[in-house]
Amino acid sequence: MYDCLVMEPGNKIQTLEEFKSIISKGEGFIAITDIANPNRIHSTTCNRLKEDWFFEKMVENEGKSGLYLWYPSKTEAQNANPDTENCKFCNA
């Protein structure tokens, strides 16, 4: 159903290949944690999920300022990350 390169709920999305695969499938939700901005949950179809932003945070900065975490459902994302806000664009 949701292989996303065999991603398990809550796993860090670590590579651009994983990110692109998840976005192209359009299944699930991504929680983005950040030390400078509010943590947010996005639908994988949200146009605010940008490759450039992912690459900077997770590849160049090695997740030091926050993470991208994949979940198959919004409920799982919210339960695992209770301090997150819904995206104002996709209203995940």
PDB file of N, CA and C in Angstrom:
ATOM      1  N   MET A   1       0.822  -1.193   0.000  1.00  0.00           N
ATOM      2  CA  MET A   1       0.000   0.000   0.000  1.00  0.00           C
ATOM      3  C   MET A   1       0.863   1.252   0.000  1.00  0.00           C
ATOM      4  N   TYR A   2       1.762   1.400   0.974  1.00  0.00           N
ATOM      5  CA  TYR A   2       2.626   2.579   1.006  1.00  0.00           C
ATOM      6  C   TYR A   2       4.054   2.137   1.237  1.00  0.00           C
ATOM      7  N   ASP A   3       4.729   1.763   0.146  1.00  0.00           N
ATOM      8  CA  ASP A   3       6.096   1.301   0.347  1.00  0.00           C
ATOM      9  C   ASP A   3       7.062   2.460   0.523  1.00  0.00           C
ATOM     10  N   CYS A   4       6.901   3.554  -0.203  1.00  0.00           N
ATOM     11  CA  CYS A   4       7.744   4.734  -0.067  1.00  0.00           C
ATOM     12  C   CYS A   4       9.182   4.336   0.242  1.00  0.00           C
ATOM     13  N   LEU A   5       9.715   3.479  -0.619  1.00  0.00           N
ATOM     14  CA  LEU A   5      11.052   2.935  -0.420  1.00  0.00           C
ATOM     15  C   LEU A   5      11.155   2.231   0.934  1.00  0.00           C
ATOM     16  N   VAL A   6      10.090   1.526   1.300  1.00  0.00           N
ATOM     17  CA  VAL A   6      10.015   0.780   2.546  1.00  0.00           C
ATOM     18  C   VAL A   6      10.184   1.700   3.759  1.00  0.00           C
ATOM     19  N   MET A   7       9.514   2.819   3.719  1.00  0.00           N
ATOM     20  CA  MET A   7       9.530   3.748   4.848  1.00  0.00           C
ATOM     21  C   MET A   7       8.557   3.252   5.906  1.00  0.00           C
ATOM     22  N   GLU A   8       8.984   3.269   7.137  1.00  0.00           N
ATOM     23  CA  GLU A   8       8.137   2.953   8.273  1.00  0.00           C
ATOM     24  C   GLU A   8       7.613   4.269   8.842  1.00  0.00           C
ATOM     25  N   PRO A   9       6.424   4.253   9.448  1.00  0.00           N
ATOM     26  CA  PRO A   9       5.885   5.485  10.035  1.00  0.00           C
ATOM     27  C   PRO A   9       6.884   6.126  10.997  1.00  0.00           C
ATOM     28  N   GLY A  10       7.078   7.422  10.843  1.00  0.00           N
ATOM     29  CA  GLY A  10       7.974   8.168  11.720  1.00  0.00           C
ATOM     30  C   GLY A  10       9.429   8.142  11.325  1.00  0.00           C
ATOM     31  N   ASN A  11       9.759   7.409  10.271  1.00  0.00           N
ATOM     32  CA  ASN A  11      11.159   7.377   9.832  1.00  0.00           C
ATOM     33  C   ASN A  11      11.571   8.708   9.223  1.00  0.00           C
ATOM     34  N   LYS A  12      12.826   9.070   9.487  1.00  0.00           N
ATOM     35  CA  LYS A  12      13.394  10.254   8.855  1.00  0.00           C
ATOM     36  C   LYS A  12      13.479  10.021   7.361  1.00  0.00           C
ATOM     37  N   ILE A  13      13.126  11.038   6.606  1.00  0.00           N
ATOM     38  CA  ILE A  13      13.369  11.022   5.168  1.00  0.00           C
ATOM     39  C   ILE A  13      14.766  11.593   5.024  1.00  0.00           C
ATOM     40  N   GLN A  14      15.715  10.772   4.595  1.00  0.00           N
ATOM     41  CA  GLN A  14      17.111  11.186   4.652  1.00  0.00           C
ATOM     42  C   GLN A  14      17.716  11.584   3.316  1.00  0.00           C
ATOM     43  N   THR A  15      17.175  11.068   2.226  1.00  0.00           N
ATOM     44  CA  THR A  15      17.783  11.362   0.930  1.00  0.00           C
ATOM     45  C   THR A  15      16.782  12.043   0.010  1.00  0.00           C
ATOM     46  N   LEU A  16      17.305  12.736  -0.968  1.00  0.00           N
ATOM     47  CA  LEU A  16      16.450  13.380  -1.953  1.00  0.00           C
ATOM     48  C   LEU A  16      15.658  12.327  -2.722  1.00  0.00           C
ATOM     49  N   GLU A  17      16.249  11.156  -2.954  1.00  0.00           N
ATOM     50  CA  GLU A  17      15.542  10.058  -3.630  1.00  0.00           C
ATOM     51  C   GLU A  17      14.316   9.634  -2.821  1.00  0.00           C
ATOM     52  N   GLU A  18      14.465   9.475  -1.503  1.00  0.00           N
ATOM     53  CA  GLU A  18      13.320   9.117  -0.653  1.00  0.00           C
ATOM     54  C   GLU A  18      12.251  10.203  -0.705  1.00  0.00           C
ATOM     55  N   PHE A  19      12.671  11.453  -0.592  1.00  0.00           N
ATOM     56  CA  PHE A  19      11.733  12.578  -0.619  1.00  0.00           C
ATOM     57  C   PHE A  19      10.947  12.595  -1.930  1.00  0.00           C
ATOM     58  N   LYS A  20      11.647  12.490  -3.046  1.00  0.00           N
ATOM     59  CA  LYS A  20      10.989  12.506  -4.361  1.00  0.00           C
ATOM     60  C   LYS A  20      10.020  11.335  -4.511  1.00  0.00           C
ATOM     61  N   SER A  21      10.410  10.160  -4.031  1.00  0.00           N
ATOM     62  CA  SER A  21       9.550   8.984  -4.110  1.00  0.00           C
ATOM     63  C   SER A  21       8.260   9.192  -3.321  1.00  0.00           C
ATOM     64  N   ILE A  22       8.375   9.699  -2.124  1.00  0.00           N
ATOM     65  CA  ILE A  22       7.206   9.944  -1.277  1.00  0.00           C
ATOM     66  C   ILE A  22       6.292  10.984  -1.913  1.00  0.00           C
ATOM     67  N   ILE A  23       6.854  12.073  -2.386  1.00  0.00           N
ATOM     68  CA  ILE A  23       6.059  13.135  -3.010  1.00  0.00           C
ATOM     69  C   ILE A  23       5.380  12.617  -4.275  1.00  0.00           C
ATOM     70  N   SER A  24       6.095  11.842  -5.082  1.00  0.00           N
ATOM     71  CA  SER A  24       5.510  11.359  -6.339  1.00  0.00           C
ATOM     72  C   SER A  24       4.354  10.400  -6.095  1.00  0.00           C
ATOM     73  N   LYS A  25       4.396   9.642  -5.007  1.00  0.00           N
ATOM     74  CA  LYS A  25       3.299   8.734  -4.685  1.00  0.00           C
ATOM     75  C   LYS A  25       2.090   9.498  -4.129  1.00  0.00           C
ATOM     76  N   GLY A  26       2.336  10.623  -3.474  1.00  0.00           N
ATOM     77  CA  GLY A  26       1.252  11.434  -2.933  1.00  0.00           C
ATOM     78  C   GLY A  26       0.475  10.755  -1.820  1.00  0.00           C
ATOM     79  N   GLU A  27       1.113   9.840  -1.100  1.00  0.00           N
ATOM     80  CA  GLU A  27       0.450   9.120  -0.016  1.00  0.00           C
ATOM     81  C   GLU A  27       1.054   9.509   1.325  1.00  0.00           C
ATOM     82  N   GLY A  28       0.203   9.783   2.286  1.00  0.00           N
ATOM     83  CA  GLY A  28       0.674  10.039   3.635  1.00  0.00           C
ATOM     84  C   GLY A  28       0.888  11.507   3.943  1.00  0.00           C
ATOM     85  N   PHE A  29       1.603  11.718   5.050  1.00  0.00           N
ATOM     86  CA  PHE A  29       1.832  13.057   5.586  1.00  0.00           C
ATOM     87  C   PHE A  29       3.279  13.183   6.031  1.00  0.00           C
ATOM     88  N   ILE A  30       3.790  14.404   5.966  1.00  0.00           N
ATOM     89  CA  ILE A  30       5.156  14.674   6.397  1.00  0.00           C
ATOM     90  C   ILE A  30       5.112  15.688   7.530  1.00  0.00           C
ATOM     91  N   ALA A  31       5.707  15.313   8.653  1.00  0.00           N
ATOM     92  CA  ALA A  31       5.885  16.249   9.763  1.00  0.00           C
ATOM     93  C   ALA A  31       7.282  16.845   9.606  1.00  0.00           C
ATOM     94  N   ILE A  32       7.341  18.167   9.634  1.00  0.00           N
ATOM     95  CA  ILE A  32       8.622  18.853   9.546  1.00  0.00           C
ATOM     96  C   ILE A  32       8.878  19.499  10.902  1.00  0.00           C
ATOM     97  N   THR A  33       9.960  19.073  11.538  1.00  0.00           N
ATOM     98  CA  THR A  33      10.357  19.689  12.798  1.00  0.00           C
ATOM     99  C   THR A  33      11.414  20.737  12.486  1.00  0.00           C
ATOM    100  N   ASP A  34      11.422  21.791  13.284  1.00  0.00           N
ATOM    101  CA  ASP A  34      12.331  22.905  13.004  1.00  0.00           C
ATOM    102  C   ASP A  34      12.607  23.650  14.294  1.00  0.00           C
ATOM    103  N   ILE A  35      13.849  24.040  14.509  1.00  0.00           N
ATOM    104  CA  ILE A  35      14.168  24.781  15.731  1.00  0.00           C
ATOM    105  C   ILE A  35      13.855  26.274  15.601  1.00  0.00           C
ATOM    106  N   ALA A  36      13.752  26.792  14.374  1.00  0.00           N
ATOM    107  CA  ALA A  36      13.523  28.224  14.171  1.00  0.00           C
ATOM    108  C   ALA A  36      12.073  28.567  13.825  1.00  0.00           C
ATOM    109  N   ASN A  37      11.304  27.589  13.363  1.00  0.00           N
ATOM    110  CA  ASN A  37       9.914  27.818  12.943  1.00  0.00           C
ATOM    111  C   ASN A  37       9.019  26.782  13.623  1.00  0.00           C
ATOM    112  N   PRO A  38       7.696  27.050  13.619  1.00  0.00           N
ATOM    113  CA  PRO A  38       6.800  26.038  14.199  1.00  0.00           C
ATOM    114  C   PRO A  38       6.903  24.713  13.442  1.00  0.00           C
ATOM    115  N   ASN A  39       6.786  23.620  14.174  1.00  0.00           N
ATOM    116  CA  ASN A  39       6.726  22.307  13.538  1.00  0.00           C
ATOM    117  C   ASN A  39       5.384  22.205  12.809  1.00  0.00           C
ATOM    118  N   ARG A  40       5.407  21.606  11.605  1.00  0.00           N
ATOM    119  CA  ARG A  40       4.185  21.544  10.804  1.00  0.00           C
ATOM    120  C   ARG A  40       3.988  20.169  10.193  1.00  0.00           C
ATOM    121  N   ILE A  41       2.710  19.850   9.957  1.00  0.00           N
ATOM    122  CA  ILE A  41       2.338  18.635   9.238  1.00  0.00           C
ATOM    123  C   ILE A  41       1.786  19.046   7.880  1.00  0.00           C
ATOM    124  N   HIS A  42       2.279  18.365   6.844  1.00  0.00           N
ATOM    125  CA  HIS A  42       1.839  18.620   5.470  1.00  0.00           C
ATOM    126  C   HIS A  42       1.348  17.328   4.836  1.00  0.00           C
ATOM    127  N   SER A  43       0.355  17.451   3.991  1.00  0.00           N
ATOM    128  CA  SER A  43       0.005  16.345   3.106  1.00  0.00           C
ATOM    129  C   SER A  43       1.147  16.202   2.108  1.00  0.00           C
ATOM    130  N   THR A  44       1.419  14.988   1.648  1.00  0.00           N
ATOM    131  CA  THR A  44       2.507  14.817   0.677  1.00  0.00           C
ATOM    132  C   THR A  44       2.184  15.462  -0.662  1.00  0.00           C
ATOM    133  N   THR A  45       0.952  15.938  -0.836  1.00  0.00           N
ATOM    134  CA  THR A  45       0.586  16.637  -2.072  1.00  0.00           C
ATOM    135  C   THR A  45       0.702  18.156  -1.928  1.00  0.00           C
ATOM    136  N   CYS A  46       1.130  18.644  -0.766  1.00  0.00           N
ATOM    137  CA  CYS A  46       1.232  20.083  -0.515  1.00  0.00           C
ATOM    138  C   CYS A  46       2.326  20.724  -1.374  1.00  0.00           C
ATOM    139  N   ASN A  47       1.986  21.850  -1.988  1.00  0.00           N
ATOM    140  CA  ASN A  47       2.977  22.528  -2.837  1.00  0.00           C
ATOM    141  C   ASN A  47       4.031  23.286  -2.027  1.00  0.00           C
ATOM    142  N   ARG A  48       3.918  23.272  -0.702  1.00  0.00           N
ATOM    143  CA  ARG A  48       4.938  23.897   0.144  1.00  0.00           C
ATOM    144  C   ARG A  48       6.096  22.943   0.457  1.00  0.00           C
ATOM    145  N   LEU A  49       5.982  21.697   0.032  1.00  0.00           N
ATOM    146  CA  LEU A  49       7.075  20.732   0.204  1.00  0.00           C
ATOM    147  C   LEU A  49       7.992  20.867  -1.002  1.00  0.00           C
ATOM    148  N   LYS A  50       9.075  21.578  -0.812  1.00  0.00           N
ATOM    149  CA  LYS A  50      10.012  21.899  -1.904  1.00  0.00           C
ATOM    150  C   LYS A  50      11.294  21.075  -1.790  1.00  0.00           C
ATOM    151  N   GLU A  51      11.741  20.573  -2.929  1.00  0.00           N
ATOM    152  CA  GLU A  51      12.991  19.807  -2.958  1.00  0.00           C
ATOM    153  C   GLU A  51      14.156  20.622  -2.415  1.00  0.00           C
ATOM    154  N   ASP A  52      14.229  21.891  -2.793  1.00  0.00           N
ATOM    155  CA  ASP A  52      15.332  22.749  -2.345  1.00  0.00           C
ATOM    156  C   ASP A  52      15.362  22.874  -0.825  1.00  0.00           C
ATOM    157  N   TRP A  53      14.194  23.066  -0.227  1.00  0.00           N
ATOM    158  CA  TRP A  53      14.129  23.220   1.224  1.00  0.00           C
ATOM    159  C   TRP A  53      14.485  21.914   1.914  1.00  0.00           C
ATOM    160  N   PHE A  54      13.994  20.788   1.366  1.00  0.00           N
ATOM    161  CA  PHE A  54      14.355  19.489   1.920  1.00  0.00           C
ATOM    162  C   PHE A  54      15.865  19.277   1.840  1.00  0.00           C
ATOM    163  N   PHE A  55      16.424  19.529   0.679  1.00  0.00           N
ATOM    164  CA  PHE A  55      17.857  19.300   0.458  1.00  0.00           C
ATOM    165  C   PHE A  55      18.695  20.120   1.445  1.00  0.00           C
ATOM    166  N   GLU A  56      18.325  21.386   1.620  1.00  0.00           N
ATOM    167  CA  GLU A  56      19.076  22.243   2.539  1.00  0.00           C
ATOM    168  C   GLU A  56      19.017  21.705   3.973  1.00  0.00           C
ATOM    169  N   LYS A  57      17.821  21.359   4.438  1.00  0.00           N
ATOM    170  CA  LYS A  57      17.654  20.938   5.833  1.00  0.00           C
ATOM    171  C   LYS A  57      18.223  19.547   6.094  1.00  0.00           C
ATOM    172  N   MET A  58      17.935  18.594   5.208  1.00  0.00           N
ATOM    173  CA  MET A  58      18.268  17.209   5.505  1.00  0.00           C
ATOM    174  C   MET A  58      19.584  16.728   4.908  1.00  0.00           C
ATOM    175  N   VAL A  59      19.994  17.273   3.781  1.00  0.00           N
ATOM    176  CA  VAL A  59      21.224  16.803   3.144  1.00  0.00           C
ATOM    177  C   VAL A  59      22.392  17.721   3.500  1.00  0.00           C
ATOM    178  N   GLU A  60      22.254  19.005   3.170  1.00  0.00           N
ATOM    179  CA  GLU A  60      23.351  19.940   3.453  1.00  0.00           C
ATOM    180  C   GLU A  60      23.587  20.108   4.954  1.00  0.00           C
ATOM    181  N   ASN A  61      22.502  20.289   5.729  1.00  0.00           N
ATOM    182  CA  ASN A  61      22.637  20.540   7.168  1.00  0.00           C
ATOM    183  C   ASN A  61      22.466  19.284   8.016  1.00  0.00           C
ATOM    184  N   GLU A  62      22.317  18.141   7.361  1.00  0.00           N
ATOM    185  CA  GLU A  62      22.239  16.841   8.034  1.00  0.00           C
ATOM    186  C   GLU A  62      21.185  16.787   9.135  1.00  0.00           C
ATOM    187  N   GLY A  63      20.068  17.504   8.949  1.00  0.00           N
ATOM    188  CA  GLY A  63      18.981  17.461   9.919  1.00  0.00           C
ATOM    189  C   GLY A  63      19.284  18.124  11.243  1.00  0.00           C
ATOM    190  N   LYS A  64      20.324  18.948  11.301  1.00  0.00           N
ATOM    191  CA  LYS A  64      20.717  19.571  12.577  1.00  0.00           C
ATOM    192  C   LYS A  64      19.694  20.579  13.092  1.00  0.00           C
ATOM    193  N   SER A  65      18.928  21.214  12.188  1.00  0.00           N
ATOM    194  CA  SER A  65      17.942  22.203  12.629  1.00  0.00           C
ATOM    195  C   SER A  65      16.522  21.667  12.587  1.00  0.00           C
ATOM    196  N   GLY A  66      16.358  20.405  12.237  1.00  0.00           N
ATOM    197  CA  GLY A  66      15.027  19.806  12.189  1.00  0.00           C
ATOM    198  C   GLY A  66      15.002  18.630  11.234  1.00  0.00           C
ATOM    199  N   LEU A  67      13.858  17.950  11.203  1.00  0.00           N
ATOM    200  CA  LEU A  67      13.731  16.725  10.432  1.00  0.00           C
ATOM    201  C   LEU A  67      12.483  16.713   9.558  1.00  0.00           C
ATOM    202  N   TYR A  68      12.502  15.846   8.563  1.00  0.00           N
ATOM    203  CA  TYR A  68      11.330  15.503   7.765  1.00  0.00           C
ATOM    204  C   TYR A  68      10.980  14.066   8.137  1.00  0.00           C
ATOM    205  N   LEU A  69       9.769  13.850   8.631  1.00  0.00           N
ATOM    206  CA  LEU A  69       9.327  12.536   9.093  1.00  0.00           C
ATOM    207  C   LEU A  69       8.063  12.132   8.342  1.00  0.00           C
ATOM    208  N   TRP A  70       8.026  10.905   7.813  1.00  0.00           N
ATOM    209  CA  TRP A  70       6.879  10.442   7.036  1.00  0.00           C
ATOM    210  C   TRP A  70       5.949   9.577   7.868  1.00  0.00           C
ATOM    211  N   TYR A  71       4.649   9.773   7.679  1.00  0.00           N
ATOM    212  CA  TYR A  71       3.613   8.975   8.341  1.00  0.00           C
ATOM    213  C   TYR A  71       2.529   8.624   7.329  1.00  0.00           C
ATOM    214  N   PRO A  72       1.930   7.443   7.444  1.00  0.00           N
ATOM    215  CA  PRO A  72       0.870   7.058   6.511  1.00  0.00           C
ATOM    216  C   PRO A  72      -0.444   7.791   6.762  1.00  0.00           C
ATOM    217  N   SER A  73      -0.649   8.312   7.978  1.00  0.00           N
ATOM    218  CA  SER A  73      -1.905   9.020   8.270  1.00  0.00           C
ATOM    219  C   SER A  73      -1.629  10.293   9.065  1.00  0.00           C
ATOM    220  N   LYS A  74      -2.559  11.213   8.954  1.00  0.00           N
ATOM    221  CA  LYS A  74      -2.458  12.473   9.696  1.00  0.00           C
ATOM    222  C   LYS A  74      -2.509  12.209  11.208  1.00  0.00           C
ATOM    223  N   THR A  75      -3.359  11.276  11.614  1.00  0.00           N
ATOM    224  CA  THR A  75      -3.489  10.943  13.032  1.00  0.00           C
ATOM    225  C   THR A  75      -2.168  10.444  13.602  1.00  0.00           C
ATOM    226  N   GLU A  76      -1.485   9.561  12.860  1.00  0.00           N
ATOM    227  CA  GLU A  76      -0.186   9.063  13.333  1.00  0.00           C
ATOM    228  C   GLU A  76       0.830  10.199  13.435  1.00  0.00           C
ATOM    229  N   ALA A  77       0.817  11.085  12.456  1.00  0.00           N
ATOM    230  CA  ALA A  77       1.743  12.225  12.475  1.00  0.00           C
ATOM    231  C   ALA A  77       1.462  13.125  13.670  1.00  0.00           C
ATOM    232  N   GLN A  78       0.190  13.394  13.946  1.00  0.00           N
ATOM    233  CA  GLN A  78      -0.177  14.248  15.069  1.00  0.00           C
ATOM    234  C   GLN A  78       0.139  13.589  16.408  1.00  0.00           C
ATOM    235  N   ASN A  79      -0.156  12.299  16.524  1.00  0.00           N
ATOM    236  CA  ASN A  79       0.112  11.587  17.783  1.00  0.00           C
ATOM    237  C   ASN A  79       1.604  11.542  18.098  1.00  0.00           C
ATOM    238  N   ALA A  80       2.424  11.358  17.075  1.00  0.00           N
ATOM    239  CA  ALA A  80       3.869  11.281  17.277  1.00  0.00           C
ATOM    240  C   ALA A  80       4.508  12.649  17.457  1.00  0.00           C
ATOM    241  N   ASN A  81       3.833  13.692  16.987  1.00  0.00           N
ATOM    242  CA  ASN A  81       4.369  15.059  17.029  1.00  0.00           C
ATOM    243  C   ASN A  81       3.280  16.005  17.534  1.00  0.00           C
ATOM    244  N   PRO A  82       2.907  15.911  18.809  1.00  0.00           N
ATOM    245  CA  PRO A  82       1.761  16.679  19.312  1.00  0.00           C
ATOM    246  C   PRO A  82       1.936  18.197  19.286  1.00  0.00           C
ATOM    247  N   ASP A  83       3.159  18.678  19.137  1.00  0.00           N
ATOM    248  CA  ASP A  83       3.390  20.119  19.126  1.00  0.00           C
ATOM    249  C   ASP A  83       3.390  20.710  17.717  1.00  0.00           C
ATOM    250  N   THR A  84       2.893  19.958  16.732  1.00  0.00           N
ATOM    251  CA  THR A  84       2.893  20.457  15.358  1.00  0.00           C
ATOM    252  C   THR A  84       1.628  21.244  15.052  1.00  0.00           C
ATOM    253  N   GLU A  85       1.755  22.123  14.071  1.00  0.00           N
ATOM    254  CA  GLU A  85       0.617  22.881  13.549  1.00  0.00           C
ATOM    255  C   GLU A  85       0.278  22.308  12.170  1.00  0.00           C
ATOM    256  N   ASN A  86      -0.975  22.478  11.771  1.00  0.00           N
ATOM    257  CA  ASN A  86      -1.354  22.104  10.421  1.00  0.00           C
ATOM    258  C   ASN A  86      -0.836  23.159   9.456  1.00  0.00           C
ATOM    259  N   CYS A  87      -0.447  22.722   8.288  1.00  0.00           N
ATOM    260  CA  CYS A  87      -0.009  23.653   7.240  1.00  0.00           C
ATOM    261  C   CYS A  87      -1.169  24.572   6.878  1.00  0.00           C
ATOM    262  N   LYS A  88      -0.888  25.840   6.696  1.00  0.00           N
ATOM    263  CA  LYS A  88      -1.928  26.803   6.336  1.00  0.00           C
ATOM    264  C   LYS A  88      -2.302  26.706   4.864  1.00  0.00           C
ATOM    265  N   PHE A  89      -1.507  25.999   4.079  1.00  0.00           N
ATOM    266  CA  PHE A  89      -1.761  25.891   2.643  1.00  0.00           C
ATOM    267  C   PHE A  89      -2.532  24.618   2.294  1.00  0.00           C
ATOM    268  N   CYS A  90      -2.098  23.494   2.826  1.00  0.00           N
ATOM    269  CA  CYS A  90      -2.793  22.228   2.507  1.00  0.00           C
ATOM    270  C   CYS A  90      -3.785  21.844   3.602  1.00  0.00           C
ATOM    271  N   ASN A  91      -3.716  22.555   4.742  1.00  0.00           N
ATOM    272  CA  ASN A  91      -4.589  22.308   5.895  1.00  0.00           C
ATOM    273  C   ASN A  91      -4.585  20.838   6.317  1.00  0.00           C
ATOM    274  N   ALA A  92      -3.407  20.251   6.286  1.00  0.00           N
ATOM    275  CA  ALA A  92      -3.274  18.834   6.650  1.00  0.00           C
ATOM    276  C   ALA A  92      -3.754  18.593   8.060  1.00  0.00           C
TER     277      ALA A  92
END
